Amino acid sequence: QEYYGNAGKTERHGVEAMIEYEFVPGLIASAAYTYTEAEYTDYNSRGSDFSGNKVPGVPEQHLYAELRYVHSTGLFAALEGRYIGAFFANDANTVETESYGLLDFRVGWRAEIGSWQLGPYMALSNLTNTEYNDNVRLNAFGGRYFEPAPGFAVQGGLSVEYAF
């Protein structure tokens, strides 16, 4: 019995644009937008014709915006926003996610010590406590498409790099 198979032919069209502007030294605003149309042009599976349906897992719209400040000492702070448009979770286009927006805040420090780079940071994620699906399993068995994301979260970390 076949449990999976390749989809048929698809057609994808879209546009992406990005802009970045430095207001004063260290204060940078950036934004990126993606619009995508993705559909099956020829796809038959297990007796169903999905031709003309949207390709699941591909949102039509995605917007990212960030305002960040980077000080000459390596300290930084950033406010980041994302918008993800709705998309289908199955080939039949009968299950659809909801669009959502997220707002995050990060602070940290980047330091160079000889050949080493250190980067401690802290992030406040999902400041508005938005409910959304963190993972969508496409064409999931038993209707188990959605895995909910956590609400507001505090994260921290440290990156360590060495240049040879």
C-alpha atoms as a PDB file:
ATOM      1  CA  GLN A   1       0.000   0.000   0.000  1.00  0.00           C
ATOM      2  CA  GLU A   2       1.256   3.488  -0.856  1.00  0.00           C
ATOM      3  CA  TYR A   3       1.538   5.872   2.107  1.00  0.00           C
ATOM      4  CA  TYR A   4       3.038   8.815   0.314  1.00  0.00           C
ATOM      5  CA  GLY A   5       3.781   9.942  -3.202  1.00  0.00           C
ATOM      6  CA  ASN A   6       5.124  12.897  -5.056  1.00  0.00           C
ATOM      7  CA  ALA A   7       2.647  15.606  -5.938  1.00  0.00           C
ATOM      8  CA  GLY A   8       2.000  16.350  -9.568  1.00  0.00           C
ATOM      9  CA  LYS A   9       3.012  19.481 -11.405  1.00  0.00           C
ATOM     10  CA  THR A  10       2.855  22.858  -9.711  1.00  0.00           C
ATOM     11  CA  GLU A  11       3.045  26.446 -10.835  1.00  0.00           C
ATOM     12  CA  ARG A  12       4.384  29.146  -8.565  1.00  0.00           C
ATOM     13  CA  HIS A  13       4.401  32.906  -9.036  1.00  0.00           C
ATOM     14  CA  GLY A  14       5.307  35.595  -6.575  1.00  0.00           C
ATOM     15  CA  VAL A  15       7.250  38.627  -5.608  1.00  0.00           C
ATOM     16  CA  GLU A  16       9.606  39.456  -2.763  1.00  0.00           C
ATOM     17  CA  ALA A  17      10.767  42.869  -1.660  1.00  0.00           C
ATOM     18  CA  MET A  18      13.028  44.080   1.129  1.00  0.00           C
ATOM     19  CA  ILE A  19      14.003  47.501   2.371  1.00  0.00           C
ATOM     20  CA  GLU A  20      16.476  48.556   5.033  1.00  0.00           C
ATOM     21  CA  TYR A  21      17.177  52.057   6.293  1.00  0.00           C
ATOM     22  CA  GLU A  22      19.644  53.364   8.867  1.00  0.00           C
ATOM     23  CA  PHE A  23      18.125  56.456  10.524  1.00  0.00           C
ATOM     24  CA  VAL A  24      21.227  57.304  12.549  1.00  0.00           C
ATOM     25  CA  PRO A  25      24.354  55.224  13.087  1.00  0.00           C
ATOM     26  CA  GLY A  26      23.266  51.969  14.711  1.00  0.00           C
ATOM     27  CA  LEU A  27      19.459  52.467  14.439  1.00  0.00           C
ATOM     28  CA  ILE A  28      18.227  50.326  11.560  1.00  0.00           C
ATOM     29  CA  ALA A  29      14.715  49.578  10.317  1.00  0.00           C
ATOM     30  CA  SER A  30      14.110  46.728   7.901  1.00  0.00           C
ATOM     31  CA  ALA A  31      11.072  45.130   6.315  1.00  0.00           C
ATOM     32  CA  ALA A  32      10.557  42.230   3.926  1.00  0.00           C
ATOM     33  CA  TYR A  33       7.380  41.119   2.164  1.00  0.00           C
ATOM     34  CA  THR A  34       6.658  37.958   0.171  1.00  0.00           C
ATOM     35  CA  TYR A  35       3.598  37.246  -1.960  1.00  0.00           C
ATOM     36  CA  THR A  36       3.311  33.727  -3.397  1.00  0.00           C
ATOM     37  CA  GLU A  37       0.705  32.003  -5.525  1.00  0.00           C
ATOM     38  CA  ALA A  38       1.346  28.257  -5.656  1.00  0.00           C
ATOM     39  CA  GLU A  39      -1.117  25.796  -7.179  1.00  0.00           C
ATOM     40  CA  TYR A  40      -1.247  22.320  -8.570  1.00  0.00           C
ATOM     41  CA  THR A  41      -1.599  22.327 -12.348  1.00  0.00           C
ATOM     42  CA  ASP A  42      -1.773  18.545 -12.772  1.00  0.00           C
ATOM     43  CA  TYR A  43      -2.151  16.330  -9.719  1.00  0.00           C
ATOM     44  CA  ASN A  44      -4.231  13.167  -9.309  1.00  0.00           C
ATOM     45  CA  SER A  45      -3.905  10.970  -6.237  1.00  0.00           C
ATOM     46  CA  ARG A  46      -5.965   7.978  -5.106  1.00  0.00           C
ATOM     47  CA  GLY A  47      -8.826   8.858  -7.415  1.00  0.00           C
ATOM     48  CA  SER A  48      -8.944  12.575  -6.519  1.00  0.00           C
ATOM     49  CA  ASP A  49      -8.031  15.386  -8.895  1.00  0.00           C
ATOM     50  CA  PHE A  50      -6.354  18.234  -7.010  1.00  0.00           C
ATOM     51  CA  SER A  51      -5.497  20.234 -10.146  1.00  0.00           C
ATOM     52  CA  GLY A  52      -6.223  23.927  -9.562  1.00  0.00           C
ATOM     53  CA  ASN A  53      -5.904  23.622  -5.771  1.00  0.00           C
ATOM     54  CA  LYS A  54      -3.434  25.687  -3.767  1.00  0.00           C
ATOM     55  CA  VAL A  55      -0.265  23.887  -2.679  1.00  0.00           C
ATOM     56  CA  PRO A  56      -0.622  23.250   1.079  1.00  0.00           C
ATOM     57  CA  GLY A  57       1.841  24.774   3.523  1.00  0.00           C
ATOM     58  CA  VAL A  58       2.515  27.870   1.406  1.00  0.00           C
ATOM     59  CA  PRO A  59       1.034  31.115   2.768  1.00  0.00           C
ATOM     60  CA  GLU A  60       0.160  33.729   0.144  1.00  0.00           C
ATOM     61  CA  GLN A  61       1.564  36.518   2.296  1.00  0.00           C
ATOM     62  CA  HIS A  62       4.467  36.846   4.690  1.00  0.00           C
ATOM     63  CA  LEU A  63       5.642  40.120   6.223  1.00  0.00           C
ATOM     64  CA  TYR A  64       8.663  40.698   8.471  1.00  0.00           C
ATOM     65  CA  ALA A  65       9.639  44.013  10.072  1.00  0.00           C
ATOM     66  CA  GLU A  66      12.377  44.867  12.537  1.00  0.00           C
ATOM     67  CA  LEU A  67      13.671  47.914  14.330  1.00  0.00           C
ATOM     68  CA  ARG A  68      17.086  47.296  15.881  1.00  0.00           C
ATOM     69  CA  TYR A  69      19.784  49.284  17.552  1.00  0.00           C
ATOM     70  CA  VAL A  70      23.407  48.134  17.578  1.00  0.00           C
ATOM     71  CA  HIS A  71      25.833  50.092  19.749  1.00  0.00           C
ATOM     72  CA  SER A  72      29.547  50.296  18.964  1.00  0.00           C
ATOM     73  CA  THR A  73      30.235  48.324  22.178  1.00  0.00           C
ATOM     74  CA  GLY A  74      28.376  45.328  20.713  1.00  0.00           C
ATOM     75  CA  LEU A  75      25.187  45.771  22.753  1.00  0.00           C
ATOM     76  CA  PHE A  76      22.012  45.423  20.701  1.00  0.00           C
ATOM     77  CA  ALA A  77      18.231  45.480  21.037  1.00  0.00           C
ATOM     78  CA  ALA A  78      15.597  44.596  18.451  1.00  0.00           C
ATOM     79  CA  LEU A  79      11.823  44.699  18.169  1.00  0.00           C
ATOM     80  CA  GLU A  80      10.624  42.236  15.542  1.00  0.00           C
ATOM     81  CA  GLY A  81       7.187  41.687  14.019  1.00  0.00           C
ATOM     82  CA  ARG A  82       5.973  38.928  11.697  1.00  0.00           C
ATOM     83  CA  TYR A  83       2.722  38.337   9.840  1.00  0.00           C
ATOM     84  CA  ILE A  84       2.015  34.912   8.316  1.00  0.00           C
ATOM     85  CA  GLY A  85      -1.006  34.600   6.050  1.00  0.00           C
ATOM     86  CA  ALA A  86      -3.462  31.700   6.110  1.00  0.00           C
ATOM     87  CA  PHE A  87      -2.650  28.554   4.127  1.00  0.00           C
ATOM     88  CA  PHE A  88      -4.146  25.156   3.445  1.00  0.00           C
ATOM     89  CA  ALA A  89      -3.054  22.083   5.409  1.00  0.00           C
ATOM     90  CA  ASN A  90      -4.129  19.429   2.877  1.00  0.00           C
ATOM     91  CA  ASP A  91      -4.129  18.794  -0.869  1.00  0.00           C
ATOM     92  CA  ALA A  92      -7.941  18.905  -1.011  1.00  0.00           C
ATOM     93  CA  ASN A  93      -7.880  22.485   0.380  1.00  0.00           C
ATOM     94  CA  THR A  94     -10.554  21.613   2.946  1.00  0.00           C
ATOM     95  CA  VAL A  95      -8.473  22.481   6.053  1.00  0.00           C
ATOM     96  CA  GLU A  96      -7.004  25.959   6.410  1.00  0.00           C
ATOM     97  CA  THR A  97      -4.885  27.646   9.057  1.00  0.00           C
ATOM     98  CA  GLU A  98      -5.638  31.110  10.338  1.00  0.00           C
ATOM     99  CA  SER A  99      -3.328  34.026   9.643  1.00  0.00           C
ATOM    100  CA  TYR A 100      -1.470  35.442  12.633  1.00  0.00           C
ATOM    101  CA  GLY A 101       0.997  38.088  13.738  1.00  0.00           C
ATOM    102  CA  LEU A 102       3.798  37.886  16.299  1.00  0.00           C
ATOM    103  CA  LEU A 103       5.858  40.447  18.155  1.00  0.00           C
ATOM    104  CA  ASP A 104       9.251  39.610  19.724  1.00  0.00           C
ATOM    105  CA  PHE A 105      11.958  41.572  21.556  1.00  0.00           C
ATOM    106  CA  ARG A 106      15.661  40.649  21.808  1.00  0.00           C
ATOM    107  CA  VAL A 107      18.613  42.147  23.672  1.00  0.00           C
ATOM    108  CA  GLY A 108      22.178  40.979  23.729  1.00  0.00           C
ATOM    109  CA  TRP A 109      25.830  41.654  23.209  1.00  0.00           C
ATOM    110  CA  ARG A 110      28.357  40.607  20.542  1.00  0.00           C
ATOM    111  CA  ALA A 111      31.993  40.699  21.588  1.00  0.00           C
ATOM    112  CA  GLU A 112      35.223  39.777  19.847  1.00  0.00           C
ATOM    113  CA  ILE A 113      38.014  38.532  22.073  1.00  0.00           C
ATOM    114  CA  GLY A 114      40.947  37.595  19.862  1.00  0.00           C
ATOM    115  CA  SER A 115      39.711  34.889  17.500  1.00  0.00           C
ATOM    116  CA  TRP A 116      36.642  34.277  19.659  1.00  0.00           C
ATOM    117  CA  GLN A 117      33.199  35.797  19.272  1.00  0.00           C
ATOM    118  CA  LEU A 118      30.756  35.650  22.174  1.00  0.00           C
ATOM    119  CA  GLY A 119      27.077  36.453  21.936  1.00  0.00           C
ATOM    120  CA  PRO A 120      24.881  36.252  25.040  1.00  0.00           C
ATOM    121  CA  TYR A 121      21.244  37.219  24.428  1.00  0.00           C
ATOM    122  CA  MET A 122      17.768  37.209  25.918  1.00  0.00           C
ATOM    123  CA  ALA A 123      14.508  37.146  23.972  1.00  0.00           C
ATOM    124  CA  LEU A 124      10.904  37.811  24.899  1.00  0.00           C
ATOM    125  CA  SER A 125       8.893  35.875  22.330  1.00  0.00           C
ATOM    126  CA  ASN A 126       5.232  36.290  21.424  1.00  0.00           C
ATOM    127  CA  LEU A 127       4.767  39.453  23.496  1.00  0.00           C
ATOM    128  CA  THR A 128       1.035  39.574  22.673  1.00  0.00           C
ATOM    129  CA  ASN A 129       0.497  35.922  23.716  1.00  0.00           C
ATOM    130  CA  THR A 130      -1.010  35.153  20.294  1.00  0.00           C
ATOM    131  CA  GLU A 131      -2.482  31.677  19.758  1.00  0.00           C
ATOM    132  CA  TYR A 132      -1.205  30.075  16.553  1.00  0.00           C
ATOM    133  CA  ASN A 133       0.004  26.757  15.201  1.00  0.00           C
ATOM    134  CA  ASP A 134       3.753  26.379  15.453  1.00  0.00           C
ATOM    135  CA  ASN A 135       3.828  23.311  13.237  1.00  0.00           C
ATOM    136  CA  VAL A 136       1.323  22.204  10.609  1.00  0.00           C
ATOM    137  CA  ARG A 137       1.616  18.619   9.419  1.00  0.00           C
ATOM    138  CA  LEU A 138       0.474  18.606   5.821  1.00  0.00           C
ATOM    139  CA  ASN A 139      -2.005  15.910   4.808  1.00  0.00           C
ATOM    140  CA  ALA A 140      -1.848  14.501   8.356  1.00  0.00           C
ATOM    141  CA  PHE A 141      -3.404  11.150   9.153  1.00  0.00           C
ATOM    142  CA  GLY A 142      -6.512  11.287  11.315  1.00  0.00           C
ATOM    143  CA  GLY A 143      -6.932  15.059  11.046  1.00  0.00           C
ATOM    144  CA  ARG A 144      -3.968  15.739  13.321  1.00  0.00           C
ATOM    145  CA  TYR A 145      -2.734  18.738  11.369  1.00  0.00           C
ATOM    146  CA  PHE A 146      -1.988  21.276  14.054  1.00  0.00           C
ATOM    147  CA  GLU A 147       0.585  21.568  16.830  1.00  0.00           C
ATOM    148  CA  PRO A 148      -0.046  24.682  18.930  1.00  0.00           C
ATOM    149  CA  ALA A 149       2.777  27.098  19.656  1.00  0.00           C
ATOM    150  CA  PRO A 150       3.681  28.227  23.144  1.00  0.00           C
ATOM    151  CA  GLY A 151       2.333  31.556  24.351  1.00  0.00           C
ATOM    152  CA  PHE A 152       4.591  34.246  25.731  1.00  0.00           C
ATOM    153  CA  ALA A 153       8.070  32.854  26.371  1.00  0.00           C
ATOM    154  CA  VAL A 154      11.393  34.027  27.755  1.00  0.00           C
ATOM    155  CA  GLN A 155      14.508  32.570  26.168  1.00  0.00           C
ATOM    156  CA  GLY A 156      18.196  33.069  26.598  1.00  0.00           C
ATOM    157  CA  GLY A 157      21.346  31.750  25.103  1.00  0.00           C
ATOM    158  CA  LEU A 158      24.980  32.167  24.303  1.00  0.00           C
ATOM    159  CA  SER A 159      26.684  31.761  20.953  1.00  0.00           C
ATOM    160  CA  VAL A 160      30.393  30.998  20.907  1.00  0.00           C
ATOM    161  CA  GLU A 161      32.393  31.160  17.673  1.00  0.00           C
ATOM    162  CA  TYR A 162      36.053  30.710  16.873  1.00  0.00           C
ATOM    163  CA  ALA A 163      37.662  31.974  13.661  1.00  0.00           C
ATOM    164  CA  PHE A 164      40.559  29.840  12.396  1.00  0.00           C
END
